Amino acid sequence: MSGFVIDEFDREIIRLLQHDGRMPFLTIANELGLAEGTVRRRVAKLLDEGLLKIVGIANPFKVGLNTVAVVGLKVDRGRIEPIAKELSALTEVRYVALSTGNYDLVIEVVVASNDELLTFLVDKLSEIPGINNTGTSIVLKVAKEDLAWEI
């Protein structure tokens, strides 16, 4: 960590941008009683420090990616980091986490169909040495997706 400390204005800026990532700096400034330039500088600093990322997120089901799966992987312990790196490079993989519990790694896979998921699981994962076992759950429906963290 850089040691960058956020204050209440930074928290409020983040909160507003989590609600609407396209909110103009002037709107934020008016809401918080700050100058637009102050908001612009604070956002730039939050971005530079890696405390904030502003992105557009597509709904996979609405763009033709109809199969979303969560895959747990048991791997050779000495290869966890290299395997995580290889998985991260695959376009089908949207999320990679090292974990405790039943699996060493947990990934989210997003593809167009169950056939593509089968190909991914059987062909692509078998190309990565050190993966010993997998468990796959298909996401039937997303009941909640909230990417705004309480700060």
N, C-alpha and C. Protein backbone atom coordinates (compact mmCIF):
# COMPACT_ATOMS: atom_id res chain seq x y z
N MET A 1 0.84 -1.19 0.00
CA MET A 1 0.00 0.00 0.00
C MET A 1 0.87 1.24 0.00
N SER A 2 0.37 2.27 -0.61
CA SER A 2 1.13 3.51 -0.74
C SER A 2 1.05 4.37 0.50
N GLY A 3 0.12 4.06 1.40
CA GLY A 3 -0.05 4.90 2.57
C GLY A 3 -0.98 6.07 2.31
N PHE A 4 -1.59 6.11 1.14
CA PHE A 4 -2.54 7.17 0.80
C PHE A 4 -3.76 7.05 1.71
N VAL A 5 -4.14 8.15 2.35
CA VAL A 5 -5.27 8.14 3.27
C VAL A 5 -6.43 8.86 2.61
N ILE A 6 -7.60 8.21 2.63
CA ILE A 6 -8.78 8.86 2.05
C ILE A 6 -9.59 9.50 3.17
N ASP A 7 -10.20 10.62 2.84
CA ASP A 7 -11.03 11.32 3.82
C ASP A 7 -12.50 11.18 3.42
N GLU A 8 -13.37 11.90 4.12
CA GLU A 8 -14.80 11.78 3.86
C GLU A 8 -15.18 12.27 2.46
N PHE A 9 -14.50 13.30 1.96
CA PHE A 9 -14.79 13.76 0.60
C PHE A 9 -14.44 12.68 -0.42
N ASP A 10 -13.29 12.03 -0.23
CA ASP A 10 -12.91 10.94 -1.13
C ASP A 10 -13.94 9.81 -1.08
N ARG A 11 -14.37 9.46 0.12
CA ARG A 11 -15.38 8.41 0.28
C ARG A 11 -16.68 8.77 -0.45
N GLU A 12 -17.08 10.01 -0.33
CA GLU A 12 -18.31 10.46 -0.98
C GLU A 12 -18.15 10.48 -2.50
N ILE A 13 -16.99 10.90 -2.97
CA ILE A 13 -16.72 10.88 -4.41
C ILE A 13 -16.81 9.44 -4.93
N ILE A 14 -16.18 8.52 -4.22
CA ILE A 14 -16.22 7.11 -4.61
C ILE A 14 -17.66 6.60 -4.60
N ARG A 15 -18.39 6.93 -3.56
CA ARG A 15 -19.79 6.48 -3.44
C ARG A 15 -20.62 6.97 -4.62
N LEU A 16 -20.45 8.24 -4.97
CA LEU A 16 -21.22 8.81 -6.08
C LEU A 16 -20.83 8.16 -7.41
N LEU A 17 -19.54 7.93 -7.61
CA LEU A 17 -19.10 7.29 -8.85
C LEU A 17 -19.49 5.82 -8.91
N GLN A 18 -19.61 5.15 -7.77
CA GLN A 18 -20.09 3.78 -7.76
C GLN A 18 -21.55 3.73 -8.19
N HIS A 19 -22.29 4.75 -7.85
CA HIS A 19 -23.69 4.83 -8.25
C HIS A 19 -23.82 5.15 -9.73
N ASP A 20 -22.96 6.06 -10.22
CA ASP A 20 -22.99 6.46 -11.62
C ASP A 20 -21.57 6.83 -12.04
N GLY A 21 -20.88 5.91 -12.69
CA GLY A 21 -19.49 6.13 -13.08
C GLY A 21 -19.30 7.23 -14.11
N ARG A 22 -20.39 7.69 -14.73
CA ARG A 22 -20.31 8.76 -15.72
C ARG A 22 -20.76 10.10 -15.15
N MET A 23 -20.96 10.16 -13.84
CA MET A 23 -21.40 11.41 -13.22
C MET A 23 -20.36 12.49 -13.46
N PRO A 24 -20.77 13.64 -13.99
CA PRO A 24 -19.82 14.73 -14.25
C PRO A 24 -19.20 15.25 -12.95
N PHE A 25 -17.95 15.69 -13.07
CA PHE A 25 -17.26 16.24 -11.91
C PHE A 25 -18.01 17.44 -11.34
N LEU A 26 -18.63 18.22 -12.21
CA LEU A 26 -19.37 19.39 -11.75
C LEU A 26 -20.55 18.98 -10.88
N THR A 27 -21.24 17.92 -11.25
CA THR A 27 -22.36 17.42 -10.45
C THR A 27 -21.86 16.96 -9.08
N ILE A 28 -20.76 16.22 -9.07
CA ILE A 28 -20.16 15.76 -7.80
C ILE A 28 -19.77 16.96 -6.96
N ALA A 29 -19.11 17.94 -7.59
CA ALA A 29 -18.66 19.13 -6.87
C ALA A 29 -19.84 19.86 -6.24
N ASN A 30 -20.91 20.03 -7.00
CA ASN A 30 -22.10 20.71 -6.47
C ASN A 30 -22.71 19.95 -5.31
N GLU A 31 -22.76 18.64 -5.42
CA GLU A 31 -23.35 17.83 -4.35
C GLU A 31 -22.52 17.89 -3.07
N LEU A 32 -21.21 17.99 -3.22
CA LEU A 32 -20.33 17.97 -2.04
C LEU A 32 -19.87 19.35 -1.59
N GLY A 33 -20.23 20.38 -2.35
CA GLY A 33 -19.81 21.73 -1.97
C GLY A 33 -18.34 21.97 -2.21
N LEU A 34 -17.80 21.35 -3.25
CA LEU A 34 -16.39 21.51 -3.60
C LEU A 34 -16.28 22.17 -4.97
N ALA A 35 -15.09 22.62 -5.30
CA ALA A 35 -14.82 23.13 -6.64
C ALA A 35 -14.65 21.95 -7.59
N GLU A 36 -15.04 22.15 -8.85
CA GLU A 36 -14.91 21.09 -9.84
C GLU A 36 -13.45 20.63 -9.98
N GLY A 37 -12.53 21.57 -9.97
CA GLY A 37 -11.11 21.23 -10.08
C GLY A 37 -10.64 20.36 -8.92
N THR A 38 -11.18 20.61 -7.74
CA THR A 38 -10.83 19.81 -6.56
C THR A 38 -11.29 18.37 -6.77
N VAL A 39 -12.52 18.21 -7.26
CA VAL A 39 -13.04 16.86 -7.51
C VAL A 39 -12.19 16.18 -8.58
N ARG A 40 -11.87 16.90 -9.64
CA ARG A 40 -11.07 16.34 -10.73
C ARG A 40 -9.72 15.85 -10.20
N ARG A 41 -9.06 16.67 -9.38
CA ARG A 41 -7.75 16.28 -8.82
C ARG A 41 -7.88 15.08 -7.89
N ARG A 42 -8.93 15.07 -7.07
CA ARG A 42 -9.13 13.95 -6.14
C ARG A 42 -9.40 12.65 -6.89
N VAL A 43 -10.21 12.71 -7.92
CA VAL A 43 -10.49 11.51 -8.72
C VAL A 43 -9.20 11.02 -9.38
N ALA A 44 -8.43 11.94 -9.94
CA ALA A 44 -7.16 11.57 -10.58
C ALA A 44 -6.24 10.88 -9.57
N LYS A 45 -6.18 11.40 -8.36
CA LYS A 45 -5.32 10.81 -7.32
C LYS A 45 -5.84 9.42 -6.92
N LEU A 46 -7.16 9.29 -6.76
CA LEU A 46 -7.74 7.99 -6.42
C LEU A 46 -7.46 6.96 -7.52
N LEU A 47 -7.53 7.39 -8.77
CA LEU A 47 -7.22 6.50 -9.88
C LEU A 47 -5.73 6.14 -9.88
N ASP A 48 -4.87 7.14 -9.71
CA ASP A 48 -3.42 6.91 -9.70
C ASP A 48 -3.00 5.97 -8.58
N GLU A 49 -3.64 6.10 -7.43
CA GLU A 49 -3.29 5.28 -6.27
C GLU A 49 -3.89 3.87 -6.35
N GLY A 50 -4.74 3.64 -7.35
CA GLY A 50 -5.37 2.32 -7.49
C GLY A 50 -6.52 2.09 -6.53
N LEU A 51 -7.01 3.15 -5.92
CA LEU A 51 -8.13 3.03 -5.00
C LEU A 51 -9.47 3.05 -5.72
N LEU A 52 -9.46 3.48 -6.96
CA LEU A 52 -10.69 3.61 -7.74
C LEU A 52 -10.40 3.20 -9.17
N LYS A 53 -11.35 2.48 -9.75
CA LYS A 53 -11.30 2.12 -11.16
C LYS A 53 -12.69 2.37 -11.73
N ILE A 54 -12.76 3.06 -12.83
CA ILE A 54 -14.04 3.35 -13.46
C ILE A 54 -14.10 2.55 -14.76
N VAL A 55 -15.08 1.63 -14.85
CA VAL A 55 -15.20 0.77 -16.02
C VAL A 55 -16.67 0.58 -16.39
N GLY A 56 -16.89 0.17 -17.61
CA GLY A 56 -18.23 -0.24 -18.04
C GLY A 56 -18.30 -1.75 -17.94
N ILE A 57 -19.37 -2.27 -17.42
CA ILE A 57 -19.51 -3.72 -17.25
C ILE A 57 -20.73 -4.19 -18.03
N ALA A 58 -20.48 -5.06 -19.00
CA ALA A 58 -21.57 -5.60 -19.81
C ALA A 58 -22.22 -6.77 -19.08
N ASN A 59 -23.51 -6.92 -19.28
CA ASN A 59 -24.24 -8.08 -18.76
C ASN A 59 -23.97 -9.24 -19.72
N PRO A 60 -23.25 -10.29 -19.29
CA PRO A 60 -22.88 -11.36 -20.22
C PRO A 60 -24.08 -12.00 -20.91
N PHE A 61 -25.18 -12.16 -20.18
CA PHE A 61 -26.36 -12.82 -20.75
C PHE A 61 -26.99 -11.99 -21.87
N LYS A 62 -26.79 -10.67 -21.84
CA LYS A 62 -27.39 -9.80 -22.85
C LYS A 62 -26.48 -9.59 -24.05
N VAL A 63 -25.24 -10.07 -23.98
CA VAL A 63 -24.32 -9.93 -25.11
C VAL A 63 -23.94 -11.29 -25.70
N GLY A 64 -24.78 -12.30 -25.44
CA GLY A 64 -24.58 -13.60 -26.07
C GLY A 64 -23.68 -14.56 -25.32
N LEU A 65 -23.24 -14.19 -24.14
CA LEU A 65 -22.44 -15.10 -23.32
C LEU A 65 -23.39 -15.73 -22.29
N ASN A 66 -24.05 -16.80 -22.71
CA ASN A 66 -25.17 -17.36 -21.96
C ASN A 66 -24.81 -18.40 -20.92
N THR A 67 -23.54 -18.78 -20.85
CA THR A 67 -23.12 -19.77 -19.86
C THR A 67 -22.06 -19.15 -18.95
N VAL A 68 -22.43 -19.03 -17.69
CA VAL A 68 -21.51 -18.54 -16.67
C VAL A 68 -21.33 -19.65 -15.66
N ALA A 69 -20.08 -19.97 -15.34
CA ALA A 69 -19.81 -21.06 -14.41
C ALA A 69 -18.75 -20.64 -13.40
N VAL A 70 -18.90 -21.17 -12.20
CA VAL A 70 -17.90 -21.02 -11.16
C VAL A 70 -17.19 -22.37 -11.07
N VAL A 71 -15.87 -22.33 -11.20
CA VAL A 71 -15.08 -23.57 -11.21
C VAL A 71 -14.08 -23.52 -10.07
N GLY A 72 -14.13 -24.53 -9.21
CA GLY A 72 -13.13 -24.69 -8.17
C GLY A 72 -12.06 -25.65 -8.66
N LEU A 73 -10.80 -25.34 -8.37
CA LEU A 73 -9.70 -26.17 -8.84
C LEU A 73 -8.80 -26.58 -7.69
N LYS A 74 -8.50 -27.87 -7.63
CA LYS A 74 -7.45 -28.36 -6.73
C LYS A 74 -6.20 -28.48 -7.57
N VAL A 75 -5.12 -27.88 -7.10
CA VAL A 75 -3.90 -27.83 -7.89
C VAL A 75 -2.70 -28.24 -7.05
N ASP A 76 -1.59 -28.50 -7.73
CA ASP A 76 -0.33 -28.75 -7.02
C ASP A 76 0.03 -27.48 -6.25
N ARG A 77 0.23 -27.63 -4.96
CA ARG A 77 0.46 -26.45 -4.09
C ARG A 77 1.63 -25.59 -4.57
N GLY A 78 2.67 -26.21 -5.06
CA GLY A 78 3.83 -25.46 -5.52
C GLY A 78 3.60 -24.71 -6.82
N ARG A 79 2.45 -24.93 -7.45
CA ARG A 79 2.16 -24.29 -8.74
C ARG A 79 0.96 -23.35 -8.69
N ILE A 80 0.50 -23.02 -7.49
CA ILE A 80 -0.70 -22.18 -7.38
C ILE A 80 -0.53 -20.87 -8.13
N GLU A 81 0.52 -20.14 -7.88
CA GLU A 81 0.73 -18.83 -8.52
C GLU A 81 0.88 -18.96 -10.04
N PRO A 82 1.73 -19.86 -10.54
CA PRO A 82 1.84 -19.99 -12.00
C PRO A 82 0.53 -20.42 -12.67
N ILE A 83 -0.22 -21.30 -12.01
CA ILE A 83 -1.50 -21.72 -12.58
C ILE A 83 -2.48 -20.55 -12.58
N ALA A 84 -2.52 -19.79 -11.50
CA ALA A 84 -3.39 -18.61 -11.45
C ALA A 84 -3.04 -17.64 -12.57
N LYS A 85 -1.77 -17.48 -12.85
CA LYS A 85 -1.33 -16.58 -13.91
C LYS A 85 -1.77 -17.11 -15.28
N GLU A 86 -1.63 -18.41 -15.51
CA GLU A 86 -2.06 -18.99 -16.78
C GLU A 86 -3.57 -18.87 -16.96
N LEU A 87 -4.32 -19.12 -15.90
CA LEU A 87 -5.78 -18.99 -15.97
C LEU A 87 -6.18 -17.55 -16.26
N SER A 88 -5.49 -16.61 -15.66
CA SER A 88 -5.79 -15.19 -15.84
C SER A 88 -5.63 -14.75 -17.29
N ALA A 89 -4.78 -15.44 -18.03
CA ALA A 89 -4.53 -15.08 -19.43
C ALA A 89 -5.61 -15.60 -20.38
N LEU A 90 -6.48 -16.50 -19.92
CA LEU A 90 -7.51 -17.08 -20.78
C LEU A 90 -8.69 -16.13 -20.90
N THR A 91 -9.15 -15.89 -22.12
CA THR A 91 -10.23 -14.93 -22.35
C THR A 91 -11.54 -15.36 -21.70
N GLU A 92 -11.76 -16.65 -21.58
CA GLU A 92 -13.01 -17.14 -20.99
C GLU A 92 -13.07 -16.90 -19.48
N VAL A 93 -11.92 -16.73 -18.86
CA VAL A 93 -11.83 -16.59 -17.40
C VAL A 93 -11.94 -15.11 -17.04
N ARG A 94 -12.95 -14.79 -16.22
CA ARG A 94 -13.20 -13.39 -15.84
C ARG A 94 -12.73 -13.07 -14.44
N TYR A 95 -12.48 -14.10 -13.63
CA TYR A 95 -12.15 -13.89 -12.22
C TYR A 95 -11.30 -15.06 -11.77
N VAL A 96 -10.22 -14.78 -11.06
CA VAL A 96 -9.35 -15.81 -10.51
C VAL A 96 -9.04 -15.45 -9.07
N ALA A 97 -9.26 -16.39 -8.15
CA ALA A 97 -8.97 -16.14 -6.74
C ALA A 97 -8.27 -17.34 -6.13
N LEU A 98 -7.24 -17.08 -5.36
CA LEU A 98 -6.65 -18.11 -4.52
C LEU A 98 -7.53 -18.21 -3.29
N SER A 99 -7.82 -19.43 -2.86
CA SER A 99 -8.81 -19.57 -1.79
C SER A 99 -8.41 -20.65 -0.78
N THR A 100 -9.13 -20.64 0.33
CA THR A 100 -9.02 -21.71 1.31
C THR A 100 -10.25 -22.59 1.15
N GLY A 101 -10.28 -23.70 1.86
CA GLY A 101 -11.45 -24.56 1.79
C GLY A 101 -11.24 -25.72 0.84
N ASN A 102 -12.30 -26.09 0.14
CA ASN A 102 -12.26 -27.27 -0.72
C ASN A 102 -11.38 -27.10 -1.95
N TYR A 103 -11.18 -25.87 -2.39
CA TYR A 103 -10.41 -25.64 -3.61
C TYR A 103 -9.28 -24.65 -3.35
N ASP A 104 -8.21 -24.83 -4.12
CA ASP A 104 -7.06 -23.93 -4.02
C ASP A 104 -7.29 -22.65 -4.82
N LEU A 105 -8.00 -22.80 -5.94
CA LEU A 105 -8.32 -21.67 -6.82
C LEU A 105 -9.80 -21.71 -7.16
N VAL A 106 -10.40 -20.55 -7.32
CA VAL A 106 -11.78 -20.45 -7.78
C VAL A 106 -11.77 -19.48 -8.95
N ILE A 107 -12.41 -19.88 -10.06
CA ILE A 107 -12.46 -19.03 -11.23
C ILE A 107 -13.91 -18.87 -11.69
N GLU A 108 -14.16 -17.77 -12.40
CA GLU A 108 -15.45 -17.59 -13.07
C GLU A 108 -15.18 -17.67 -14.56
N VAL A 109 -15.97 -18.50 -15.24
CA VAL A 109 -15.82 -18.71 -16.67
C VAL A 109 -17.09 -18.22 -17.36
N VAL A 110 -16.94 -17.42 -18.42
CA VAL A 110 -18.08 -16.91 -19.15
C VAL A 110 -17.88 -17.25 -20.63
N VAL A 111 -18.83 -18.02 -21.17
CA VAL A 111 -18.77 -18.46 -22.57
C VAL A 111 -20.16 -18.41 -23.18
N ALA A 112 -20.24 -18.66 -24.48
CA ALA A 112 -21.51 -18.54 -25.19
C ALA A 112 -22.46 -19.71 -24.94
N SER A 113 -21.93 -20.90 -24.66
CA SER A 113 -22.80 -22.08 -24.58
C SER A 113 -22.20 -23.14 -23.67
N ASN A 114 -23.03 -24.12 -23.34
CA ASN A 114 -22.55 -25.27 -22.56
C ASN A 114 -21.49 -26.05 -23.33
N ASP A 115 -21.63 -26.11 -24.66
CA ASP A 115 -20.62 -26.79 -25.47
C ASP A 115 -19.26 -26.11 -25.34
N GLU A 116 -19.26 -24.77 -25.35
CA GLU A 116 -18.01 -24.04 -25.17
C GLU A 116 -17.44 -24.26 -23.76
N LEU A 117 -18.31 -24.36 -22.78
CA LEU A 117 -17.85 -24.64 -21.42
C LEU A 117 -17.20 -26.02 -21.36
N LEU A 118 -17.83 -27.00 -22.00
CA LEU A 118 -17.27 -28.35 -22.04
C LEU A 118 -15.89 -28.34 -22.68
N THR A 119 -15.76 -27.65 -23.80
CA THR A 119 -14.46 -27.55 -24.48
C THR A 119 -13.43 -26.89 -23.57
N PHE A 120 -13.84 -25.83 -22.88
CA PHE A 120 -12.94 -25.15 -21.95
C PHE A 120 -12.47 -26.10 -20.85
N LEU A 121 -13.43 -26.78 -20.22
CA LEU A 121 -13.11 -27.65 -19.09
C LEU A 121 -12.25 -28.84 -19.51
N VAL A 122 -12.56 -29.45 -20.64
CA VAL A 122 -11.87 -30.67 -21.07
C VAL A 122 -10.56 -30.35 -21.78
N ASP A 123 -10.59 -29.40 -22.70
CA ASP A 123 -9.40 -29.14 -23.51
C ASP A 123 -8.47 -28.10 -22.91
N LYS A 124 -8.99 -26.91 -22.63
CA LYS A 124 -8.11 -25.83 -22.18
C LYS A 124 -7.51 -26.10 -20.80
N LEU A 125 -8.34 -26.56 -19.86
CA LEU A 125 -7.80 -26.79 -18.52
C LEU A 125 -6.80 -27.95 -18.51
N SER A 126 -6.99 -28.92 -19.39
CA SER A 126 -6.05 -30.06 -19.41
C SER A 126 -4.68 -29.66 -19.95
N GLU A 127 -4.59 -28.52 -20.62
CA GLU A 127 -3.31 -28.02 -21.12
C GLU A 127 -2.45 -27.38 -20.03
N ILE A 128 -3.06 -27.12 -18.87
CA ILE A 128 -2.33 -26.46 -17.78
C ILE A 128 -1.86 -27.53 -16.79
N PRO A 129 -0.54 -27.74 -16.72
CA PRO A 129 -0.04 -28.75 -15.79
C PRO A 129 -0.24 -28.34 -14.34
N GLY A 130 -0.57 -29.33 -13.51
CA GLY A 130 -0.72 -29.08 -12.08
C GLY A 130 -2.15 -28.97 -11.61
N ILE A 131 -3.13 -28.97 -12.53
CA ILE A 131 -4.53 -28.98 -12.13
C ILE A 131 -4.92 -30.43 -11.91
N ASN A 132 -5.32 -30.76 -10.69
CA ASN A 132 -5.60 -32.14 -10.33
C ASN A 132 -7.08 -32.50 -10.35
N ASN A 133 -7.93 -31.52 -10.03
CA ASN A 133 -9.35 -31.81 -9.91
C ASN A 133 -10.11 -30.50 -10.04
N THR A 134 -11.34 -30.60 -10.58
CA THR A 134 -12.17 -29.41 -10.68
C THR A 134 -13.59 -29.74 -10.25
N GLY A 135 -14.30 -28.73 -9.84
CA GLY A 135 -15.72 -28.83 -9.55
C GLY A 135 -16.41 -27.63 -10.17
N THR A 136 -17.43 -27.87 -10.98
CA THR A 136 -18.05 -26.79 -11.75
C THR A 136 -19.50 -26.62 -11.36
N SER A 137 -19.89 -25.37 -11.15
CA SER A 137 -21.28 -25.01 -10.91
C SER A 137 -21.69 -23.98 -11.95
N ILE A 138 -22.81 -24.24 -12.63
CA ILE A 138 -23.30 -23.30 -13.62
C ILE A 138 -24.23 -22.30 -12.94
N VAL A 139 -24.04 -21.02 -13.27
CA VAL A 139 -24.89 -19.96 -12.73
C VAL A 139 -26.18 -19.95 -13.54
N LEU A 140 -27.30 -20.22 -12.89
CA LEU A 140 -28.59 -20.23 -13.57
C LEU A 140 -29.18 -18.83 -13.70
N LYS A 141 -29.01 -18.04 -12.66
CA LYS A 141 -29.55 -16.68 -12.65
C LYS A 141 -28.79 -15.89 -11.59
N VAL A 142 -28.46 -14.67 -11.91
CA VAL A 142 -27.80 -13.80 -10.94
C VAL A 142 -28.88 -13.08 -10.15
N ALA A 143 -28.95 -13.35 -8.87
CA ALA A 143 -29.95 -12.71 -8.01
C ALA A 143 -29.48 -11.34 -7.51
N LYS A 144 -28.17 -11.18 -7.37
CA LYS A 144 -27.62 -9.90 -6.93
C LYS A 144 -26.21 -9.78 -7.46
N GLU A 145 -25.90 -8.61 -7.98
CA GLU A 145 -24.54 -8.28 -8.36
C GLU A 145 -24.32 -6.84 -7.96
N ASP A 146 -23.50 -6.61 -6.98
CA ASP A 146 -23.25 -5.27 -6.48
C ASP A 146 -21.75 -5.07 -6.46
N LEU A 147 -21.25 -4.22 -7.31
CA LEU A 147 -19.82 -3.98 -7.40
C LEU A 147 -19.40 -2.74 -6.61
N ALA A 148 -20.31 -2.15 -5.88
CA ALA A 148 -20.03 -0.97 -5.07
C ALA A 148 -19.73 -1.41 -3.65
N TRP A 149 -18.47 -1.27 -3.25
CA TRP A 149 -18.05 -1.66 -1.91
C TRP A 149 -18.35 -0.53 -0.93
N GLU A 150 -18.79 -0.88 0.26
CA GLU A 150 -18.98 0.11 1.32
C GLU A 150 -17.60 0.50 1.84
N ILE A 151 -17.32 1.78 1.88
CA ILE A 151 -16.00 2.25 2.30
C ILE A 151 -16.10 2.94 3.63
